[in-house]
Amino acid sequence: MSLDCAAEEIADELLFETGRALTLGDFDRFAACFGLPHVIETPGTRTVIPDLDSLHTTFDDLRRYYHDTQVIDVVRTVVKARFLNADMVTSTHVASLVHADGGAWRKLYPVHSVIRRQGDLDWRIMSSVYVIDDCAAHSAVLTPAPCQPDVVR
C-alpha cells in the first residue's frame, strides 16, 4: 500500500466515524476523532475549541442545525490525503448536504484538515478549514463569532 493510500484510508475512516457519530448522536464516538485544542476556520473566522465541553457544544449545535434545516446526511469524499511526516496527515475532502427530499441541498464545499497521530494507531483531527461560501448560517454553527480572529469557544 502506498503512503498516499494509507493517508487516504486514515482520513476516510475519520470521516466515516464522525459522520456516524453525528447521525447517531454519539458524542463520545465523535470526540474520539478530535485532538484538543481543535481549530476550525471558515471564511473570515477562526475558532479554537479548547476542551470537551466546547466540542460538545459544537456537536450539539451542528446536530441542531442539520435537524432544523432537514439535512439527513452529509456525503463526504476524500479528494487527496498525504503524509506530512510519520505522525501527521493533511487531507482535503468535499462535502455535500443531503436534504430530506433526497436532493443535494447546496453546492459541494471543500474542507482541508490536519490529522495527527496521538498514539500508535490513534489518529485525531487537529484542525479543519471549511470553505462554505454559500451559507453564512452553516459557517456560523462551526465558528460562532464571525469576523473575530482566534475566538475561543
N, C-alpha and C. Protein backbone atom coordinates (compact mmCIF):
# COMPACT_ATOMS: atom_id res chain seq x y z
N MET A 1 0.85 -1.17 0.00
CA MET A 1 0.00 0.00 0.00
C MET A 1 0.89 1.24 0.00
N SER A 2 0.59 2.20 -0.87
CA SER A 2 1.39 3.42 -0.93
C SER A 2 1.08 4.31 0.27
N LEU A 3 1.98 5.23 0.55
CA LEU A 3 1.75 6.16 1.65
C LEU A 3 0.52 7.01 1.42
N ASP A 4 0.31 7.46 0.17
CA ASP A 4 -0.89 8.26 -0.12
C ASP A 4 -2.16 7.46 0.14
N CYS A 5 -2.16 6.19 -0.23
CA CYS A 5 -3.33 5.34 0.04
C CYS A 5 -3.56 5.17 1.53
N ALA A 6 -2.49 5.00 2.28
CA ALA A 6 -2.62 4.88 3.74
C ALA A 6 -3.16 6.18 4.34
N ALA A 7 -2.68 7.32 3.86
CA ALA A 7 -3.16 8.61 4.35
C ALA A 7 -4.65 8.78 4.02
N GLU A 8 -5.05 8.38 2.81
CA GLU A 8 -6.46 8.46 2.42
C GLU A 8 -7.33 7.57 3.29
N GLU A 9 -6.81 6.39 3.63
CA GLU A 9 -7.56 5.47 4.49
C GLU A 9 -7.78 6.08 5.88
N ILE A 10 -6.76 6.71 6.42
CA ILE A 10 -6.88 7.37 7.73
C ILE A 10 -7.93 8.46 7.67
N ALA A 11 -7.85 9.32 6.66
CA ALA A 11 -8.81 10.42 6.51
C ALA A 11 -10.22 9.89 6.32
N ASP A 12 -10.37 8.87 5.47
CA ASP A 12 -11.68 8.31 5.19
C ASP A 12 -12.30 7.68 6.44
N GLU A 13 -11.50 7.00 7.23
CA GLU A 13 -12.01 6.39 8.47
C GLU A 13 -12.51 7.45 9.44
N LEU A 14 -11.79 8.56 9.55
CA LEU A 14 -12.23 9.64 10.44
C LEU A 14 -13.51 10.28 9.92
N LEU A 15 -13.65 10.44 8.61
CA LEU A 15 -14.89 10.96 8.05
C LEU A 15 -16.05 10.02 8.35
N PHE A 16 -15.82 8.72 8.18
CA PHE A 16 -16.86 7.73 8.47
C PHE A 16 -17.27 7.80 9.95
N GLU A 17 -16.30 7.81 10.84
CA GLU A 17 -16.59 7.81 12.28
C GLU A 17 -17.32 9.08 12.71
N THR A 18 -16.86 10.24 12.25
CA THR A 18 -17.53 11.48 12.65
C THR A 18 -18.93 11.56 12.05
N GLY A 19 -19.07 11.08 10.83
CA GLY A 19 -20.39 11.08 10.20
C GLY A 19 -21.38 10.19 10.93
N ARG A 20 -20.95 8.98 11.26
CA ARG A 20 -21.83 8.06 12.01
C ARG A 20 -22.17 8.63 13.39
N ALA A 21 -21.17 9.21 14.03
CA ALA A 21 -21.40 9.78 15.37
C ALA A 21 -22.43 10.91 15.31
N LEU A 22 -22.33 11.76 14.30
CA LEU A 22 -23.31 12.85 14.16
C LEU A 22 -24.70 12.28 13.89
N THR A 23 -24.78 11.29 13.01
CA THR A 23 -26.06 10.68 12.68
C THR A 23 -26.70 10.01 13.89
N LEU A 24 -25.89 9.30 14.67
CA LEU A 24 -26.40 8.55 15.82
C LEU A 24 -26.52 9.38 17.09
N GLY A 25 -25.95 10.59 17.08
CA GLY A 25 -25.96 11.40 18.30
C GLY A 25 -24.99 10.89 19.34
N ASP A 26 -23.90 10.25 18.91
CA ASP A 26 -22.93 9.63 19.81
C ASP A 26 -21.73 10.55 20.00
N PHE A 27 -21.82 11.42 21.02
CA PHE A 27 -20.75 12.38 21.23
C PHE A 27 -19.42 11.72 21.56
N ASP A 28 -19.41 10.67 22.35
CA ASP A 28 -18.14 10.02 22.71
C ASP A 28 -17.41 9.51 21.46
N ARG A 29 -18.16 8.92 20.55
CA ARG A 29 -17.57 8.44 19.29
C ARG A 29 -17.03 9.62 18.48
N PHE A 30 -17.77 10.71 18.45
CA PHE A 30 -17.36 11.92 17.75
C PHE A 30 -16.09 12.50 18.38
N ALA A 31 -16.09 12.65 19.68
CA ALA A 31 -14.96 13.26 20.40
C ALA A 31 -13.67 12.46 20.22
N ALA A 32 -13.80 11.15 20.09
CA ALA A 32 -12.62 10.30 19.93
C ALA A 32 -11.86 10.59 18.63
N CYS A 33 -12.46 11.35 17.73
CA CYS A 33 -11.84 11.66 16.44
C CYS A 33 -11.09 12.99 16.43
N PHE A 34 -11.18 13.74 17.52
CA PHE A 34 -10.62 15.09 17.53
C PHE A 34 -9.56 15.26 18.60
N GLY A 35 -8.50 15.96 18.23
CA GLY A 35 -7.49 16.38 19.18
C GLY A 35 -7.85 17.74 19.73
N LEU A 36 -7.47 17.99 20.96
CA LEU A 36 -7.74 19.28 21.59
C LEU A 36 -6.43 19.94 22.00
N PRO A 37 -6.31 21.24 21.86
CA PRO A 37 -7.33 22.12 21.30
C PRO A 37 -7.51 21.85 19.81
N HIS A 38 -8.73 22.10 19.35
CA HIS A 38 -9.08 21.89 17.94
C HIS A 38 -9.38 23.25 17.33
N VAL A 39 -8.89 23.46 16.12
CA VAL A 39 -9.09 24.74 15.43
C VAL A 39 -10.02 24.54 14.24
N ILE A 40 -11.05 25.39 14.15
CA ILE A 40 -11.96 25.37 13.00
C ILE A 40 -11.91 26.77 12.37
N GLU A 41 -11.73 26.78 11.05
CA GLU A 41 -11.76 28.04 10.32
C GLU A 41 -12.82 27.98 9.24
N THR A 42 -13.51 29.09 9.08
CA THR A 42 -14.42 29.31 7.96
C THR A 42 -14.01 30.66 7.38
N PRO A 43 -14.56 31.05 6.24
CA PRO A 43 -14.16 32.34 5.68
C PRO A 43 -14.33 33.48 6.70
N GLY A 44 -13.22 34.09 7.07
CA GLY A 44 -13.24 35.24 7.97
C GLY A 44 -13.23 34.94 9.45
N THR A 45 -13.25 33.66 9.83
CA THR A 45 -13.34 33.33 11.26
C THR A 45 -12.46 32.14 11.61
N ARG A 46 -11.87 32.23 12.78
CA ARG A 46 -11.06 31.13 13.32
C ARG A 46 -11.49 30.91 14.76
N THR A 47 -11.91 29.69 15.08
CA THR A 47 -12.36 29.36 16.42
C THR A 47 -11.48 28.26 17.00
N VAL A 48 -11.08 28.43 18.25
CA VAL A 48 -10.32 27.41 18.96
C VAL A 48 -11.26 26.72 19.94
N ILE A 49 -11.36 25.42 19.82
CA ILE A 49 -12.17 24.61 20.74
C ILE A 49 -11.20 24.01 21.74
N PRO A 50 -11.17 24.52 22.96
CA PRO A 50 -10.12 24.14 23.90
C PRO A 50 -10.36 22.84 24.67
N ASP A 51 -11.64 22.42 24.81
CA ASP A 51 -11.92 21.30 25.71
C ASP A 51 -13.15 20.53 25.24
N LEU A 52 -13.42 19.42 25.94
CA LEU A 52 -14.54 18.55 25.55
C LEU A 52 -15.89 19.24 25.68
N ASP A 53 -16.05 20.09 26.69
CA ASP A 53 -17.33 20.80 26.84
C ASP A 53 -17.61 21.67 25.62
N SER A 54 -16.59 22.38 25.14
CA SER A 54 -16.74 23.23 23.96
C SER A 54 -16.99 22.39 22.71
N LEU A 55 -16.31 21.25 22.61
CA LEU A 55 -16.54 20.36 21.47
C LEU A 55 -17.96 19.82 21.50
N HIS A 56 -18.45 19.52 22.70
CA HIS A 56 -19.83 19.03 22.85
C HIS A 56 -20.82 20.09 22.40
N THR A 57 -20.55 21.35 22.70
CA THR A 57 -21.42 22.44 22.26
C THR A 57 -21.45 22.50 20.74
N THR A 58 -20.30 22.38 20.10
CA THR A 58 -20.24 22.39 18.64
C THR A 58 -21.01 21.20 18.06
N PHE A 59 -20.82 20.03 18.64
CA PHE A 59 -21.53 18.81 18.22
C PHE A 59 -23.04 19.03 18.31
N ASP A 60 -23.52 19.51 19.45
CA ASP A 60 -24.96 19.74 19.63
C ASP A 60 -25.49 20.79 18.67
N ASP A 61 -24.74 21.88 18.48
CA ASP A 61 -25.16 22.95 17.56
C ASP A 61 -25.25 22.44 16.13
N LEU A 62 -24.29 21.62 15.72
CA LEU A 62 -24.30 21.08 14.37
C LEU A 62 -25.46 20.12 14.16
N ARG A 63 -25.69 19.26 15.14
CA ARG A 63 -26.83 18.35 15.04
C ARG A 63 -28.15 19.13 14.98
N ARG A 64 -28.28 20.18 15.77
CA ARG A 64 -29.49 21.01 15.77
C ARG A 64 -29.66 21.70 14.40
N TYR A 65 -28.56 22.22 13.87
CA TYR A 65 -28.60 22.87 12.56
C TYR A 65 -29.07 21.88 11.48
N TYR A 66 -28.51 20.68 11.47
CA TYR A 66 -28.93 19.68 10.49
C TYR A 66 -30.42 19.34 10.66
N HIS A 67 -30.86 19.18 11.89
CA HIS A 67 -32.27 18.88 12.15
C HIS A 67 -33.16 20.01 11.66
N ASP A 68 -32.82 21.24 12.04
CA ASP A 68 -33.65 22.40 11.69
C ASP A 68 -33.72 22.65 10.19
N THR A 69 -32.66 22.30 9.47
CA THR A 69 -32.62 22.52 8.02
C THR A 69 -32.95 21.26 7.22
N GLN A 70 -33.37 20.21 7.91
CA GLN A 70 -33.78 18.95 7.32
C GLN A 70 -32.67 18.27 6.51
N VAL A 71 -31.45 18.38 7.02
CA VAL A 71 -30.33 17.65 6.43
C VAL A 71 -30.35 16.24 7.03
N ILE A 72 -30.40 15.24 6.16
CA ILE A 72 -30.46 13.86 6.65
C ILE A 72 -29.13 13.12 6.51
N ASP A 73 -28.22 13.69 5.72
CA ASP A 73 -26.92 13.05 5.55
C ASP A 73 -25.93 14.08 5.03
N VAL A 74 -24.67 13.82 5.34
CA VAL A 74 -23.57 14.62 4.79
C VAL A 74 -22.67 13.63 4.05
N VAL A 75 -22.60 13.77 2.74
CA VAL A 75 -21.77 12.89 1.93
C VAL A 75 -20.41 13.56 1.78
N ARG A 76 -19.38 12.86 2.25
CA ARG A 76 -18.03 13.42 2.22
C ARG A 76 -17.10 12.45 1.52
N THR A 77 -16.26 13.00 0.64
CA THR A 77 -15.36 12.18 -0.16
C THR A 77 -13.96 12.77 -0.09
N VAL A 78 -13.00 11.93 0.27
CA VAL A 78 -11.60 12.37 0.30
C VAL A 78 -11.15 12.64 -1.13
N VAL A 79 -10.61 13.82 -1.36
CA VAL A 79 -10.07 14.19 -2.67
C VAL A 79 -8.58 13.89 -2.71
N LYS A 80 -7.89 14.24 -1.63
CA LYS A 80 -6.45 13.99 -1.55
C LYS A 80 -6.03 13.95 -0.09
N ALA A 81 -5.12 13.06 0.20
CA ALA A 81 -4.53 12.98 1.53
C ALA A 81 -3.09 12.53 1.37
N ARG A 82 -2.23 13.06 2.20
CA ARG A 82 -0.82 12.65 2.15
C ARG A 82 -0.19 12.85 3.52
N PHE A 83 0.86 12.11 3.76
CA PHE A 83 1.62 12.25 4.99
C PHE A 83 2.54 13.47 4.88
N LEU A 84 2.52 14.31 5.91
CA LEU A 84 3.50 15.39 6.01
C LEU A 84 4.77 14.87 6.69
N ASN A 85 4.56 13.96 7.63
CA ASN A 85 5.64 13.22 8.28
C ASN A 85 5.01 11.96 8.86
N ALA A 86 5.75 11.20 9.64
CA ALA A 86 5.24 9.92 10.14
C ALA A 86 4.03 10.07 11.06
N ASP A 87 3.86 11.25 11.65
CA ASP A 87 2.79 11.44 12.63
C ASP A 87 1.74 12.47 12.20
N MET A 88 1.77 12.91 10.95
CA MET A 88 0.84 13.94 10.52
C MET A 88 0.39 13.73 9.07
N VAL A 89 -0.93 13.86 8.88
CA VAL A 89 -1.55 13.73 7.57
C VAL A 89 -2.27 15.02 7.25
N THR A 90 -2.19 15.46 6.02
CA THR A 90 -3.02 16.56 5.55
C THR A 90 -4.04 15.97 4.57
N SER A 91 -5.27 16.44 4.69
CA SER A 91 -6.35 15.84 3.91
C SER A 91 -7.29 16.92 3.40
N THR A 92 -7.77 16.71 2.19
CA THR A 92 -8.83 17.56 1.64
C THR A 92 -9.98 16.66 1.22
N HIS A 93 -11.17 17.04 1.64
CA HIS A 93 -12.36 16.31 1.19
C HIS A 93 -13.41 17.31 0.75
N VAL A 94 -14.38 16.84 -0.01
CA VAL A 94 -15.53 17.66 -0.37
C VAL A 94 -16.75 17.08 0.34
N ALA A 95 -17.67 17.98 0.69
CA ALA A 95 -18.87 17.57 1.41
C ALA A 95 -20.10 18.10 0.70
N SER A 96 -21.16 17.33 0.77
CA SER A 96 -22.45 17.72 0.21
C SER A 96 -23.53 17.35 1.22
N LEU A 97 -24.42 18.29 1.47
CA LEU A 97 -25.53 18.04 2.40
C LEU A 97 -26.71 17.47 1.63
N VAL A 98 -27.27 16.39 2.15
CA VAL A 98 -28.43 15.75 1.53
C VAL A 98 -29.66 16.15 2.32
N HIS A 99 -30.61 16.75 1.63
CA HIS A 99 -31.84 17.24 2.23
C HIS A 99 -32.86 16.10 2.37
N ALA A 100 -33.85 16.29 3.21
CA ALA A 100 -34.87 15.27 3.45
C ALA A 100 -35.61 14.85 2.18
N ASP A 101 -35.65 15.73 1.18
CA ASP A 101 -36.32 15.37 -0.07
C ASP A 101 -35.43 14.51 -0.98
N GLY A 102 -34.19 14.21 -0.51
CA GLY A 102 -33.28 13.35 -1.24
C GLY A 102 -32.31 14.07 -2.15
N GLY A 103 -32.49 15.36 -2.32
CA GLY A 103 -31.61 16.12 -3.20
C GLY A 103 -30.46 16.76 -2.46
N ALA A 104 -29.45 17.15 -3.23
CA ALA A 104 -28.33 17.90 -2.65
C ALA A 104 -28.86 19.28 -2.29
N TRP A 105 -28.56 19.72 -1.08
CA TRP A 105 -29.15 20.95 -0.58
C TRP A 105 -28.44 22.18 -1.13
N ARG A 106 -27.12 22.13 -1.19
CA ARG A 106 -26.32 23.24 -1.70
C ARG A 106 -25.16 22.66 -2.49
N LYS A 107 -24.33 23.55 -3.01
CA LYS A 107 -23.18 23.06 -3.76
C LYS A 107 -22.16 22.41 -2.83
N LEU A 108 -21.30 21.57 -3.41
CA LEU A 108 -20.21 20.95 -2.65
C LEU A 108 -19.34 22.02 -2.02
N TYR A 109 -18.79 21.70 -0.85
CA TYR A 109 -17.82 22.61 -0.26
C TYR A 109 -16.59 21.81 0.18
N PRO A 110 -15.40 22.39 -0.01
CA PRO A 110 -14.18 21.69 0.37
C PRO A 110 -13.82 21.93 1.84
N VAL A 111 -13.13 20.95 2.41
CA VAL A 111 -12.64 21.04 3.79
C VAL A 111 -11.21 20.51 3.80
N HIS A 112 -10.32 21.28 4.37
CA HIS A 112 -8.93 20.86 4.49
C HIS A 112 -8.65 20.61 5.97
N SER A 113 -8.09 19.44 6.30
CA SER A 113 -7.84 19.08 7.69
C SER A 113 -6.40 18.64 7.91
N VAL A 114 -5.94 18.86 9.12
CA VAL A 114 -4.66 18.33 9.58
C VAL A 114 -4.97 17.27 10.62
N ILE A 115 -4.42 16.09 10.41
CA ILE A 115 -4.67 14.93 11.27
C ILE A 115 -3.34 14.53 11.88
N ARG A 116 -3.35 14.32 13.20
CA ARG A 116 -2.10 13.99 13.89
C ARG A 116 -2.25 12.67 14.65
N ARG A 117 -1.17 11.89 14.63
CA ARG A 117 -1.14 10.63 15.39
C ARG A 117 -0.99 10.98 16.88
N GLN A 118 -1.86 10.39 17.71
CA GLN A 118 -1.82 10.62 19.16
C GLN A 118 -1.26 9.42 19.92
N GLY A 119 -1.19 8.31 19.29
CA GLY A 119 -0.68 7.07 19.87
C GLY A 119 -0.27 6.18 18.72
N ASP A 120 -0.11 4.90 18.97
CA ASP A 120 0.31 4.01 17.89
C ASP A 120 -0.62 4.06 16.68
N LEU A 121 -1.91 3.90 16.91
CA LEU A 121 -2.87 3.91 15.81
C LEU A 121 -4.03 4.87 16.07
N ASP A 122 -3.82 5.85 16.91
CA ASP A 122 -4.86 6.79 17.31
C ASP A 122 -4.66 8.11 16.57
N TRP A 123 -5.40 8.28 15.48
CA TRP A 123 -5.30 9.49 14.66
C TRP A 123 -6.43 10.43 15.04
N ARG A 124 -6.12 11.72 15.17
CA ARG A 124 -7.11 12.72 15.55
C ARG A 124 -7.05 13.94 14.64
N ILE A 125 -8.21 14.48 14.33
CA ILE A 125 -8.27 15.70 13.54
C ILE A 125 -7.93 16.87 14.46
N MET A 126 -6.91 17.63 14.08
CA MET A 126 -6.45 18.74 14.93
C MET A 126 -7.00 20.09 14.46
N SER A 127 -7.21 20.22 13.16
CA SER A 127 -7.75 21.48 12.64
C SER A 127 -8.44 21.22 11.31
N SER A 128 -9.41 22.09 11.01
CA SER A 128 -10.13 21.99 9.75
C SER A 128 -10.48 23.38 9.24
N VAL A 129 -10.32 23.55 7.94
CA VAL A 129 -10.70 24.80 7.26
C VAL A 129 -11.86 24.45 6.33
N TYR A 130 -13.02 25.05 6.59
CA TYR A 130 -14.22 24.82 5.80
C TYR A 130 -14.42 26.00 4.85
N VAL A 131 -14.56 25.73 3.56
CA VAL A 131 -14.81 26.80 2.59
C VAL A 131 -16.28 26.73 2.20
N ILE A 132 -17.11 27.21 3.11
CA ILE A 132 -18.56 27.25 2.90
C ILE A 132 -18.88 28.70 2.53
N ASP A 133 -19.00 28.96 1.23
CA ASP A 133 -19.18 30.35 0.81
C ASP A 133 -20.61 30.67 0.38
N ASP A 134 -21.51 29.71 0.54
CA ASP A 134 -22.89 29.96 0.12
C ASP A 134 -23.90 29.90 1.25
N CYS A 135 -23.42 29.83 2.51
CA CYS A 135 -24.36 29.74 3.63
C CYS A 135 -23.70 30.22 4.92
N ALA A 136 -23.94 31.47 5.25
CA ALA A 136 -23.35 32.04 6.46
C ALA A 136 -23.85 31.33 7.72
N ALA A 137 -25.08 30.86 7.70
CA ALA A 137 -25.63 30.18 8.89
C ALA A 137 -24.87 28.89 9.19
N HIS A 138 -24.51 28.15 8.16
CA HIS A 138 -23.75 26.92 8.34
C HIS A 138 -22.37 27.23 8.90
N SER A 139 -21.71 28.23 8.33
CA SER A 139 -20.39 28.64 8.84
C SER A 139 -20.49 29.08 10.29
N ALA A 140 -21.56 29.81 10.62
CA ALA A 140 -21.71 30.33 11.99
C ALA A 140 -21.89 29.22 13.02
N VAL A 141 -22.44 28.09 12.60
CA VAL A 141 -22.57 26.95 13.53
C VAL A 141 -21.18 26.43 13.90
N LEU A 142 -20.30 26.40 12.92
CA LEU A 142 -18.94 25.88 13.13
C LEU A 142 -18.04 26.90 13.84
N THR A 143 -18.18 28.15 13.48
CA THR A 143 -17.38 29.23 14.07
C THR A 143 -18.35 30.33 14.48
N PRO A 144 -18.80 30.31 15.73
CA PRO A 144 -19.95 31.11 16.14
C PRO A 144 -19.75 32.62 16.23
N ALA A 145 -18.55 33.13 16.11
CA ALA A 145 -18.34 34.58 16.21
C ALA A 145 -17.67 35.10 14.95
N PRO A 146 -18.47 35.39 13.91
CA PRO A 146 -17.90 35.78 12.63
C PRO A 146 -17.00 37.02 12.72
N CYS A 147 -15.98 36.99 11.88
CA CYS A 147 -15.07 38.12 11.68
C CYS A 147 -14.28 38.53 12.92
N GLN A 148 -14.12 37.62 13.86
CA GLN A 148 -13.29 37.88 15.02
C GLN A 148 -12.21 36.80 15.06
N PRO A 149 -10.95 37.18 14.89
CA PRO A 149 -9.89 36.17 14.86
C PRO A 149 -9.70 35.50 16.22
N ASP A 150 -9.34 34.22 16.16
CA ASP A 150 -8.99 33.45 17.35
C ASP A 150 -10.04 33.48 18.46
N VAL A 151 -11.27 33.26 18.09
CA VAL A 151 -12.34 33.17 19.08
C VAL A 151 -12.18 31.84 19.82
N VAL A 152 -12.21 31.89 21.13
CA VAL A 152 -12.18 30.66 21.92
C VAL A 152 -13.59 30.37 22.34
N ARG A 153 -14.06 29.19 22.01
CA ARG A 153 -15.44 28.82 22.30
C ARG A 153 -15.59 28.42 23.74
